[in-house]
């Protein structure tokens, strides 16, 4: 079962639209910051799940293409984490990003 916070995040993601480039760019930058400097398993895992969902969403993933490199870089560093749960989430997130990334990314 999803937590109340996860349900709130889901509602926010459903409201996100592709025509608001300024919001999408700001969201991507903030997610990278949390992945880079966030503290706690729950924070990092939830952020990885959000990024994963953004790249799995057929309507939104195109809007995040220019951010693939930044996400993959920060997720790559996270693969050194001690938590296997977090490593597995990061690997799944990286796979979602790689599925839609352009070869030059």
PDB file of N, CA and C in Angstrom:
ATOM      1  N   UNK A   1       0.838  -1.189   0.000  1.00  0.00           N
ATOM      2  CA  UNK A   1       0.000   0.000   0.000  1.00  0.00           C
ATOM      3  C   UNK A   1       0.880   1.249   0.000  1.00  0.00           C
ATOM      4  N   UNK A   2       0.431   2.244  -0.717  1.00  0.00           N
ATOM      5  CA  UNK A   2       1.171   3.501  -0.783  1.00  0.00           C
ATOM      6  C   UNK A   2       0.915   4.339   0.455  1.00  0.00           C
ATOM      7  N   UNK A   3       1.932   5.087   0.827  1.00  0.00           N
ATOM      8  CA  UNK A   3       1.805   5.996   1.958  1.00  0.00           C
ATOM      9  C   UNK A   3       1.034   7.242   1.523  1.00  0.00           C
ATOM     10  N   UNK A   4       0.525   8.009   2.485  1.00  0.00           N
ATOM     11  CA  UNK A   4      -0.154   9.264   2.118  1.00  0.00           C
ATOM     12  C   UNK A   4       0.761  10.201   1.323  1.00  0.00           C
ATOM     13  N   UNK A   5       2.050  10.222   1.663  1.00  0.00           N
ATOM     14  CA  UNK A   5       2.987  11.071   0.928  1.00  0.00           C
ATOM     15  C   UNK A   5       3.129  10.599  -0.518  1.00  0.00           C
ATOM     16  N   UNK A   6       3.205   9.289  -0.716  1.00  0.00           N
ATOM     17  CA  UNK A   6       3.328   8.752  -2.070  1.00  0.00           C
ATOM     18  C   UNK A   6       2.075   9.066  -2.889  1.00  0.00           C
ATOM     19  N   UNK A   7       0.914   8.994  -2.275  1.00  0.00           N
ATOM     20  CA  UNK A   7      -0.332   9.347  -2.973  1.00  0.00           C
ATOM     21  C   UNK A   7      -0.330  10.820  -3.358  1.00  0.00           C
ATOM     22  N   UNK A   8       0.179  11.678  -2.471  1.00  0.00           N
ATOM     23  CA  UNK A   8       0.262  13.115  -2.774  1.00  0.00           C
ATOM     24  C   UNK A   8       1.211  13.365  -3.947  1.00  0.00           C
ATOM     25  N   UNK A   9       2.335  12.667  -3.963  1.00  0.00           N
ATOM     26  CA  UNK A   9       3.281  12.802  -5.070  1.00  0.00           C
ATOM     27  C   UNK A   9       2.647  12.336  -6.369  1.00  0.00           C
ATOM     28  N   UNK A  10       1.909  11.230  -6.320  1.00  0.00           N
ATOM     29  CA  UNK A  10       1.225  10.722  -7.508  1.00  0.00           C
ATOM     30  C   UNK A  10       0.252  11.748  -8.075  1.00  0.00           C
ATOM     31  N   UNK A  11      -0.489  12.414  -7.202  1.00  0.00           N
ATOM     32  CA  UNK A  11      -1.435  13.438  -7.650  1.00  0.00           C
ATOM     33  C   UNK A  11      -0.690  14.582  -8.333  1.00  0.00           C
ATOM     34  N   UNK A  12       0.408  15.009  -7.734  1.00  0.00           N
ATOM     35  CA  UNK A  12       1.209  16.092  -8.326  1.00  0.00           C
ATOM     36  C   UNK A  12       1.760  15.694  -9.689  1.00  0.00           C
ATOM     37  N   UNK A  13       2.237  14.466  -9.825  1.00  0.00           N
ATOM     38  CA  UNK A  13       2.780  14.013 -11.107  1.00  0.00           C
ATOM     39  C   UNK A  13       1.699  13.939 -12.179  1.00  0.00           C
ATOM     40  N   UNK A  14       0.485  13.578 -11.792  1.00  0.00           N
ATOM     41  CA  UNK A  14      -0.615  13.533 -12.763  1.00  0.00           C
ATOM     42  C   UNK A  14      -0.970  14.928 -13.264  1.00  0.00           C
ATOM     43  N   UNK A  15      -0.730  15.939 -12.444  1.00  0.00           N
ATOM     44  CA  UNK A  15      -1.033  17.321 -12.826  1.00  0.00           C
ATOM     45  C   UNK A  15       0.053  17.950 -13.696  1.00  0.00           C
ATOM     46  N   UNK A  16       1.226  17.320 -13.738  1.00  0.00           N
ATOM     47  CA  UNK A  16       2.345  17.842 -14.506  1.00  0.00           C
ATOM     48  C   UNK A  16       2.036  17.717 -15.994  1.00  0.00           C
ATOM     49  N   UNK A  17       2.230  18.795 -16.725  1.00  0.00           N
ATOM     50  CA  UNK A  17       1.960  18.769 -18.162  1.00  0.00           C
ATOM     51  C   UNK A  17       3.219  19.087 -18.942  1.00  0.00           C
ATOM     52  N   UNK A  18       3.289  18.556 -20.147  1.00  0.00           N
ATOM     53  CA  UNK A  18       4.500  18.687 -20.957  1.00  0.00           C
ATOM     54  C   UNK A  18       4.701  20.097 -21.493  1.00  0.00           C
ATOM     55  N   UNK A  19       3.675  20.904 -21.555  1.00  0.00           N
ATOM     56  CA  UNK A  19       3.824  22.231 -22.149  1.00  0.00           C
ATOM     57  C   UNK A  19       4.390  23.264 -21.186  1.00  0.00           C
ATOM     58  N   UNK A  20       4.693  22.891 -19.973  1.00  0.00           N
ATOM     59  CA  UNK A  20       5.282  23.817 -18.994  1.00  0.00           C
ATOM     60  C   UNK A  20       6.761  23.501 -18.821  1.00  0.00           C
ATOM     61  N   UNK A  21       7.563  23.903 -19.800  1.00  0.00           N
ATOM     62  CA  UNK A  21       8.995  23.611 -19.806  1.00  0.00           C
ATOM     63  C   UNK A  21       9.686  24.198 -18.584  1.00  0.00           C
ATOM     64  N   UNK A  22       9.281  25.382 -18.157  1.00  0.00           N
ATOM     65  CA  UNK A  22       9.920  26.008 -16.998  1.00  0.00           C
ATOM     66  C   UNK A  22       9.745  25.169 -15.741  1.00  0.00           C
ATOM     67  N   UNK A  23       8.559  24.622 -15.553  1.00  0.00           N
ATOM     68  CA  UNK A  23       8.293  23.780 -14.382  1.00  0.00           C
ATOM     69  C   UNK A  23       9.062  22.465 -14.486  1.00  0.00           C
ATOM     70  N   UNK A  24       9.081  21.874 -15.665  1.00  0.00           N
ATOM     71  CA  UNK A  24       9.775  20.603 -15.864  1.00  0.00           C
ATOM     72  C   UNK A  24      11.268  20.766 -15.623  1.00  0.00           C
ATOM     73  N   UNK A  25      11.860  21.836 -16.146  1.00  0.00           N
ATOM     74  CA  UNK A  25      13.289  22.072 -15.938  1.00  0.00           C
ATOM     75  C   UNK A  25      13.600  22.306 -14.464  1.00  0.00           C
ATOM     76  N   UNK A  26      12.760  23.078 -13.792  1.00  0.00           N
ATOM     77  CA  UNK A  26      12.959  23.336 -12.360  1.00  0.00           C
ATOM     78  C   UNK A  26      12.817  22.050 -11.553  1.00  0.00           C
ATOM     79  N   UNK A  27      11.811  21.241 -11.876  1.00  0.00           N
ATOM     80  CA  UNK A  27      11.615  19.965 -11.188  1.00  0.00           C
ATOM     81  C   UNK A  27      12.831  19.055 -11.367  1.00  0.00           C
ATOM     82  N   UNK A  28      13.326  18.966 -12.603  1.00  0.00           N
ATOM     83  CA  UNK A  28      14.491  18.110 -12.866  1.00  0.00           C
ATOM     84  C   UNK A  28      15.696  18.565 -12.044  1.00  0.00           C
ATOM     85  N   UNK A  29      15.951  19.867 -12.013  1.00  0.00           N
ATOM     86  CA  UNK A  29      17.084  20.385 -11.243  1.00  0.00           C
ATOM     87  C   UNK A  29      16.940  20.066  -9.754  1.00  0.00           C
ATOM     88  N   UNK A  30      15.738  20.220  -9.237  1.00  0.00           N
ATOM     89  CA  UNK A  30      15.519  19.963  -7.815  1.00  0.00           C
ATOM     90  C   UNK A  30      15.639  18.477  -7.479  1.00  0.00           C
ATOM     91  N   UNK A  31      15.179  17.623  -8.386  1.00  0.00           N
ATOM     92  CA  UNK A  31      15.311  16.180  -8.155  1.00  0.00           C
ATOM     93  C   UNK A  31      16.779  15.766  -8.157  1.00  0.00           C
ATOM     94  N   UNK A  32      17.570  16.353  -9.050  1.00  0.00           N
ATOM     95  CA  UNK A  32      19.007  16.062  -9.083  1.00  0.00           C
ATOM     96  C   UNK A  32      19.660  16.477  -7.766  1.00  0.00           C
ATOM     97  N   UNK A  33      19.282  17.639  -7.256  1.00  0.00           N
ATOM     98  CA  UNK A  33      19.848  18.116  -5.986  1.00  0.00           C
ATOM     99  C   UNK A  33      19.512  17.151  -4.849  1.00  0.00           C
ATOM    100  N   UNK A  34      18.269  16.681  -4.805  1.00  0.00           N
ATOM    101  CA  UNK A  34      17.877  15.755  -3.738  1.00  0.00           C
ATOM    102  C   UNK A  34      18.625  14.434  -3.886  1.00  0.00           C
ATOM    103  N   UNK A  35      18.753  13.938  -5.111  1.00  0.00           N
ATOM    104  CA  UNK A  35      19.492  12.690  -5.315  1.00  0.00           C
ATOM    105  C   UNK A  35      20.959  12.843  -4.937  1.00  0.00           C
ATOM    106  N   UNK A  36      21.514  14.011  -5.155  1.00  0.00           N
ATOM    107  CA  UNK A  36      22.924  14.249  -4.859  1.00  0.00           C
ATOM    108  C   UNK A  36      23.171  14.463  -3.373  1.00  0.00           C
ATOM    109  N   UNK A  37      22.289  15.209  -2.715  1.00  0.00           N
ATOM    110  CA  UNK A  37      22.592  15.609  -1.343  1.00  0.00           C
ATOM    111  C   UNK A  37      21.507  15.252  -0.333  1.00  0.00           C
ATOM    112  N   UNK A  38      20.499  14.521  -0.754  1.00  0.00           N
ATOM    113  CA  UNK A  38      19.439  14.124   0.165  1.00  0.00           C
ATOM    114  C   UNK A  38      19.960  13.177   1.229  1.00  0.00           C
ATOM    115  N   UNK A  39      19.291  13.191   2.367  1.00  0.00           N
ATOM    116  CA  UNK A  39      19.708  12.354   3.491  1.00  0.00           C
ATOM    117  C   UNK A  39      18.571  11.405   3.836  1.00  0.00           C
ATOM    118  N   UNK A  40      18.909  10.157   4.035  1.00  0.00           N
ATOM    119  CA  UNK A  40      17.924   9.172   4.466  1.00  0.00           C
ATOM    120  C   UNK A  40      17.459   8.289   3.335  1.00  0.00           C
ATOM    121  N   UNK A  41      17.255   7.040   3.677  1.00  0.00           N
ATOM    122  CA  UNK A  41      16.823   6.043   2.702  1.00  0.00           C
ATOM    123  C   UNK A  41      15.473   6.405   2.090  1.00  0.00           C
ATOM    124  N   UNK A  42      14.538   6.843   2.906  1.00  0.00           N
ATOM    125  CA  UNK A  42      13.200   7.157   2.408  1.00  0.00           C
ATOM    126  C   UNK A  42      13.242   8.307   1.408  1.00  0.00           C
ATOM    127  N   UNK A  43      14.003   9.342   1.713  1.00  0.00           N
ATOM    128  CA  UNK A  43      14.115  10.495   0.818  1.00  0.00           C
ATOM    129  C   UNK A  43      14.715  10.090  -0.525  1.00  0.00           C
ATOM    130  N   UNK A  44      15.818   9.372  -0.481  1.00  0.00           N
ATOM    131  CA  UNK A  44      16.497   8.979  -1.710  1.00  0.00           C
ATOM    132  C   UNK A  44      15.678   7.974  -2.512  1.00  0.00           C
ATOM    133  N   UNK A  45      15.061   7.027  -1.828  1.00  0.00           N
ATOM    134  CA  UNK A  45      14.248   6.022  -2.516  1.00  0.00           C
ATOM    135  C   UNK A  45      13.022   6.662  -3.165  1.00  0.00           C
ATOM    136  N   UNK A  46      12.365   7.553  -2.460  1.00  0.00           N
ATOM    137  CA  UNK A  46      11.182   8.221  -3.013  1.00  0.00           C
ATOM    138  C   UNK A  46      11.548   9.076  -4.214  1.00  0.00           C
ATOM    139  N   UNK A  47      12.672   9.750  -4.137  1.00  0.00           N
ATOM    140  CA  UNK A  47      13.110  10.590  -5.255  1.00  0.00           C
ATOM    141  C   UNK A  47      13.449   9.731  -6.470  1.00  0.00           C
ATOM    142  N   UNK A  48      14.125   8.617  -6.245  1.00  0.00           N
ATOM    143  CA  UNK A  48      14.439   7.704  -7.353  1.00  0.00           C
ATOM    144  C   UNK A  48      13.153   7.170  -7.984  1.00  0.00           C
ATOM    145  N   UNK A  49      12.152   6.867  -7.173  1.00  0.00           N
ATOM    146  CA  UNK A  49      10.873   6.378  -7.701  1.00  0.00           C
ATOM    147  C   UNK A  49      10.187   7.434  -8.550  1.00  0.00           C
ATOM    148  N   UNK A  50      10.271   8.696  -8.121  1.00  0.00           N
ATOM    149  CA  UNK A  50       9.659   9.787  -8.902  1.00  0.00           C
ATOM    150  C   UNK A  50      10.354   9.906 -10.256  1.00  0.00           C
ATOM    151  N   UNK A  51      11.679   9.900 -10.251  1.00  0.00           N
ATOM    152  CA  UNK A  51      12.423   9.996 -11.515  1.00  0.00           C
ATOM    153  C   UNK A  51      12.086   8.809 -12.406  1.00  0.00           C
ATOM    154  N   UNK A  52      12.021   7.629 -11.821  1.00  0.00           N
ATOM    155  CA  UNK A  52      11.658   6.426 -12.569  1.00  0.00           C
ATOM    156  C   UNK A  52      10.293   6.597 -13.228  1.00  0.00           C
ATOM    157  N   UNK A  53       9.330   7.088 -12.478  1.00  0.00           N
ATOM    158  CA  UNK A  53       7.973   7.276 -13.021  1.00  0.00           C
ATOM    159  C   UNK A  53       7.946   8.312 -14.131  1.00  0.00           C
ATOM    160  N   UNK A  54       8.741   9.369 -13.991  1.00  0.00           N
ATOM    161  CA  UNK A  54       8.775  10.403 -15.030  1.00  0.00           C
ATOM    162  C   UNK A  54       9.286   9.842 -16.356  1.00  0.00           C
ATOM    163  N   UNK A  55      10.292   8.988 -16.288  1.00  0.00           N
ATOM    164  CA  UNK A  55      10.845   8.417 -17.522  1.00  0.00           C
ATOM    165  C   UNK A  55      10.024   7.233 -18.035  1.00  0.00           C
ATOM    166  N   UNK A  56       9.216   6.624 -17.188  1.00  0.00           N
ATOM    167  CA  UNK A  56       8.322   5.551 -17.643  1.00  0.00           C
ATOM    168  C   UNK A  56       7.044   6.096 -18.260  1.00  0.00           C
ATOM    169  N   UNK A  57       6.702   7.335 -17.941  1.00  0.00           N
ATOM    170  CA  UNK A  57       5.476   7.955 -18.447  1.00  0.00           C
ATOM    171  C   UNK A  57       5.667   8.350 -19.910  1.00  0.00           C
ATOM    172  N   UNK A  58       4.862   7.776 -20.790  1.00  0.00           N
ATOM    173  CA  UNK A  58       5.024   7.993 -22.227  1.00  0.00           C
ATOM    174  C   UNK A  58       4.814   9.449 -22.631  1.00  0.00           C
ATOM    175  N   UNK A  59       3.961  10.174 -21.925  1.00  0.00           N
ATOM    176  CA  UNK A  59       3.705  11.567 -22.302  1.00  0.00           C
ATOM    177  C   UNK A  59       4.733  12.524 -21.717  1.00  0.00           C
ATOM    178  N   UNK A  60       5.341  12.179 -20.604  1.00  0.00           N
ATOM    179  CA  UNK A  60       6.272  13.091 -19.943  1.00  0.00           C
ATOM    180  C   UNK A  60       7.743  12.832 -20.270  1.00  0.00           C
ATOM    181  N   UNK A  61       8.086  11.610 -20.613  1.00  0.00           N
ATOM    182  CA  UNK A  61       9.509  11.274 -20.739  1.00  0.00           C
ATOM    183  C   UNK A  61      10.226  12.137 -21.769  1.00  0.00           C
ATOM    184  N   UNK A  62       9.559  12.509 -22.842  1.00  0.00           N
ATOM    185  CA  UNK A  62      10.187  13.353 -23.851  1.00  0.00           C
ATOM    186  C   UNK A  62      10.606  14.706 -23.314  1.00  0.00           C
ATOM    187  N   UNK A  63       9.860  15.212 -22.357  1.00  0.00           N
ATOM    188  CA  UNK A  63      10.171  16.507 -21.765  1.00  0.00           C
ATOM    189  C   UNK A  63      11.405  16.457 -20.878  1.00  0.00           C
ATOM    190  N   UNK A  64      11.779  15.273 -20.456  1.00  0.00           N
ATOM    191  CA  UNK A  64      12.927  15.121 -19.562  1.00  0.00           C
ATOM    192  C   UNK A  64      14.172  14.595 -20.285  1.00  0.00           C
ATOM    193  N   UNK A  65      14.109  14.465 -21.607  1.00  0.00           N
ATOM    194  CA  UNK A  65      15.243  13.908 -22.352  1.00  0.00           C
ATOM    195  C   UNK A  65      16.524  14.704 -22.145  1.00  0.00           C
ATOM    196  N   UNK A  66      16.415  16.024 -22.114  1.00  0.00           N
ATOM    197  CA  UNK A  66      17.636  16.825 -21.993  1.00  0.00           C
ATOM    198  C   UNK A  66      18.280  16.709 -20.610  1.00  0.00           C
ATOM    199  N   UNK A  67      17.595  16.057 -19.679  1.00  0.00           N
ATOM    200  CA  UNK A  67      18.123  15.906 -18.327  1.00  0.00           C
ATOM    201  C   UNK A  67      18.688  14.506 -18.070  1.00  0.00           C
ATOM    202  N   UNK A  68      18.664  13.637 -19.079  1.00  0.00           N
ATOM    203  CA  UNK A  68      19.127  12.254 -18.906  1.00  0.00           C
ATOM    204  C   UNK A  68      20.537  12.177 -18.351  1.00  0.00           C
ATOM    205  N   UNK A  69      21.437  12.943 -18.925  1.00  0.00           N
ATOM    206  CA  UNK A  69      22.841  12.862 -18.526  1.00  0.00           C
ATOM    207  C   UNK A  69      23.028  13.217 -17.055  1.00  0.00           C
ATOM    208  N   UNK A  70      22.357  14.293 -16.612  1.00  0.00           N
ATOM    209  CA  UNK A  70      22.475  14.709 -15.206  1.00  0.00           C
ATOM    210  C   UNK A  70      21.947  13.631 -14.268  1.00  0.00           C
ATOM    211  N   UNK A  71      20.778  13.057 -14.615  1.00  0.00           N
ATOM    212  CA  UNK A  71      20.201  12.024 -13.762  1.00  0.00           C
ATOM    213  C   UNK A  71      21.083  10.784 -13.722  1.00  0.00           C
ATOM    214  N   UNK A  72      21.574  10.363 -14.885  1.00  0.00           N
ATOM    215  CA  UNK A  72      22.409   9.166 -14.912  1.00  0.00           C
ATOM    216  C   UNK A  72      23.703   9.363 -14.136  1.00  0.00           C
ATOM    217  N   UNK A  73      24.263  10.555 -14.194  1.00  0.00           N
ATOM    218  CA  UNK A  73      25.504  10.835 -13.461  1.00  0.00           C
ATOM    219  C   UNK A  73      25.280  10.720 -11.954  1.00  0.00           C
ATOM    220  N   UNK A  74      24.244  11.360 -11.451  1.00  0.00           N
ATOM    221  CA  UNK A  74      24.004  11.342 -10.003  1.00  0.00           C
ATOM    222  C   UNK A  74      23.547   9.954  -9.538  1.00  0.00           C
ATOM    223  N   UNK A  75      22.780   9.257 -10.364  1.00  0.00           N
ATOM    224  CA  UNK A  75      22.341   7.903 -10.012  1.00  0.00           C
ATOM    225  C   UNK A  75      23.531   6.945 -10.026  1.00  0.00           C
ATOM    226  N   UNK A  76      24.457   7.152 -10.962  1.00  0.00           N
ATOM    227  CA  UNK A  76      25.660   6.320 -11.012  1.00  0.00           C
ATOM    228  C   UNK A  76      26.463   6.408  -9.729  1.00  0.00           C
ATOM    229  N   UNK A  77      26.562   7.610  -9.173  1.00  0.00           N
ATOM    230  CA  UNK A  77      27.274   7.768  -7.901  1.00  0.00           C
ATOM    231  C   UNK A  77      26.520   7.073  -6.764  1.00  0.00           C
ATOM    232  N   UNK A  78      25.197   7.047  -6.858  1.00  0.00           N
ATOM    233  CA  UNK A  78      24.383   6.412  -5.825  1.00  0.00           C
ATOM    234  C   UNK A  78      24.499   4.903  -5.794  1.00  0.00           C
ATOM    235  N   UNK A  79      25.031   4.319  -6.862  1.00  0.00           N
ATOM    236  CA  UNK A  79      25.198   2.860  -6.886  1.00  0.00           C
ATOM    237  C   UNK A  79      26.250   2.381  -5.895  1.00  0.00           C
ATOM    238  N   UNK A  80      26.997   3.306  -5.320  1.00  0.00           N
ATOM    239  CA  UNK A  80      27.976   2.954  -4.294  1.00  0.00           C
ATOM    240  C   UNK A  80      27.369   2.917  -2.899  1.00  0.00           C
ATOM    241  N   UNK A  81      26.092   3.195  -2.780  1.00  0.00           N
ATOM    242  CA  UNK A  81      25.435   3.207  -1.475  1.00  0.00           C
ATOM    243  C   UNK A  81      25.462   1.813  -0.854  1.00  0.00           C
ATOM    244  N   UNK A  82      25.450   1.762   0.464  1.00  0.00           N
ATOM    245  CA  UNK A  82      25.458   0.472   1.175  1.00  0.00           C
ATOM    246  C   UNK A  82      24.131  -0.258   1.073  1.00  0.00           C
ATOM    247  N   UNK A  83      23.052   0.474   0.904  1.00  0.00           N
ATOM    248  CA  UNK A  83      21.718  -0.127   0.896  1.00  0.00           C
ATOM    249  C   UNK A  83      21.425  -0.826  -0.435  1.00  0.00           C
ATOM    250  N   UNK A  84      21.132  -2.113  -0.359  1.00  0.00           N
ATOM    251  CA  UNK A  84      20.768  -2.861  -1.570  1.00  0.00           C
ATOM    252  C   UNK A  84      19.425  -2.386  -2.127  1.00  0.00           C
ATOM    253  N   UNK A  85      18.533  -1.966  -1.247  1.00  0.00           N
ATOM    254  CA  UNK A  85      17.230  -1.443  -1.695  1.00  0.00           C
ATOM    255  C   UNK A  85      17.455  -0.225  -2.577  1.00  0.00           C
ATOM    256  N   UNK A  86      18.288   0.677  -2.117  1.00  0.00           N
ATOM    257  CA  UNK A  86      18.570   1.891  -2.872  1.00  0.00           C
ATOM    258  C   UNK A  86      19.315   1.570  -4.167  1.00  0.00           C
ATOM    259  N   UNK A  87      20.266   0.670  -4.111  1.00  0.00           N
ATOM    260  CA  UNK A  87      20.991   0.277  -5.332  1.00  0.00           C
ATOM    261  C   UNK A  87      20.026  -0.276  -6.373  1.00  0.00           C
ATOM    262  N   UNK A  88      19.104  -1.139  -5.935  1.00  0.00           N
ATOM    263  CA  UNK A  88      18.137  -1.717  -6.869  1.00  0.00           C
ATOM    264  C   UNK A  88      17.217  -0.656  -7.464  1.00  0.00           C
ATOM    265  N   UNK A  89      16.780   0.296  -6.640  1.00  0.00           N
ATOM    266  CA  UNK A  89      15.955   1.389  -7.158  1.00  0.00           C
ATOM    267  C   UNK A  89      16.732   2.241  -8.156  1.00  0.00           C
ATOM    268  N   UNK A  90      17.981   2.517  -7.848  1.00  0.00           N
ATOM    269  CA  UNK A  90      18.810   3.308  -8.759  1.00  0.00           C
ATOM    270  C   UNK A  90      19.027   2.572 -10.079  1.00  0.00           C
ATOM    271  N   UNK A  91      19.237   1.263 -10.011  1.00  0.00           N
ATOM    272  CA  UNK A  91      19.416   0.495 -11.250  1.00  0.00           C
ATOM    273  C   UNK A  91      18.139   0.511 -12.090  1.00  0.00           C
ATOM    274  N   UNK A  92      16.986   0.372 -11.453  1.00  0.00           N
ATOM    275  CA  UNK A  92      15.712   0.420 -12.179  1.00  0.00           C
ATOM    276  C   UNK A  92      15.494   1.800 -12.792  1.00  0.00           C
ATOM    277  N   UNK A  93      15.854   2.834 -12.053  1.00  0.00           N
ATOM    278  CA  UNK A  93      15.705   4.198 -12.556  1.00  0.00           C
ATOM    279  C   UNK A  93      16.641   4.443 -13.733  1.00  0.00           C
ATOM    280  N   UNK A  94      17.874   4.000 -13.613  1.00  0.00           N
ATOM    281  CA  UNK A  94      18.827   4.142 -14.720  1.00  0.00           C
ATOM    282  C   UNK A  94      18.322   3.399 -15.953  1.00  0.00           C
ATOM    283  N   UNK A  95      17.739   2.232 -15.770  1.00  0.00           N
ATOM    284  CA  UNK A  95      17.201   1.468 -16.899  1.00  0.00           C
ATOM    285  C   UNK A  95      16.060   2.235 -17.578  1.00  0.00           C
ATOM    286  N   UNK A  96      15.191   2.857 -16.789  1.00  0.00           N
ATOM    287  CA  UNK A  96      14.094   3.642 -17.362  1.00  0.00           C
ATOM    288  C   UNK A  96      14.622   4.817 -18.174  1.00  0.00           C
ATOM    289  N   UNK A  97      15.651   5.468 -17.656  1.00  0.00           N
ATOM    290  CA  UNK A  97      16.237   6.610 -18.357  1.00  0.00           C
ATOM    291  C   UNK A  97      16.903   6.141 -19.646  1.00  0.00           C
ATOM    292  N   UNK A  98      17.649   5.043 -19.578  1.00  0.00           N
ATOM    293  CA  UNK A  98      18.368   4.530 -20.753  1.00  0.00           C
ATOM    294  C   UNK A  98      17.414   4.075 -21.857  1.00  0.00           C
ATOM    295  N   UNK A  99      16.240   3.625 -21.499  1.00  0.00           N
ATOM    296  CA  UNK A  99      15.264   3.200 -22.503  1.00  0.00           C
ATOM    297  C   UNK A  99      14.838   4.339 -23.414  1.00  0.00           C
ATOM    298  N   UNK A 100      14.809   5.565 -22.869  1.00  0.00           N
ATOM    299  CA  UNK A 100      14.333   6.694 -23.671  1.00  0.00           C
ATOM    300  C   UNK A 100      15.437   7.646 -24.081  1.00  0.00           C
ATOM    301  N   UNK A 101      16.644   7.512 -23.504  1.00  0.00           N
ATOM    302  CA  UNK A 101      17.738   8.437 -23.803  1.00  0.00           C
ATOM    303  C   UNK A 101      18.215   8.283 -25.243  1.00  0.00           C
ATOM    304  N   UNK A 102      18.672   9.371 -25.779  1.00  0.00           N
ATOM    305  CA  UNK A 102      19.246   9.350 -27.125  1.00  0.00           C
ATOM    306  C   UNK A 102      20.657   8.774 -27.035  1.00  0.00           C
ATOM    307  N   UNK A 103      21.131   8.112 -28.084  1.00  0.00           N
ATOM    308  CA  UNK A 103      22.475   7.521 -28.051  1.00  0.00           C
ATOM    309  C   UNK A 103      23.580   8.505 -27.697  1.00  0.00           C
ATOM    310  N   UNK A 104      23.425   9.766 -28.053  1.00  0.00           N
ATOM    311  CA  UNK A 104      24.464  10.758 -27.756  1.00  0.00           C
ATOM    312  C   UNK A 104      24.503  11.144 -26.294  1.00  0.00           C
ATOM    313  N   UNK A 105      23.446  10.819 -25.530  1.00  0.00           N
ATOM    314  CA  UNK A 105      23.406  11.142 -24.109  1.00  0.00           C
ATOM    315  C   UNK A 105      24.361  10.230 -23.391  1.00  0.00           C
TER     316      UNK A 105
END
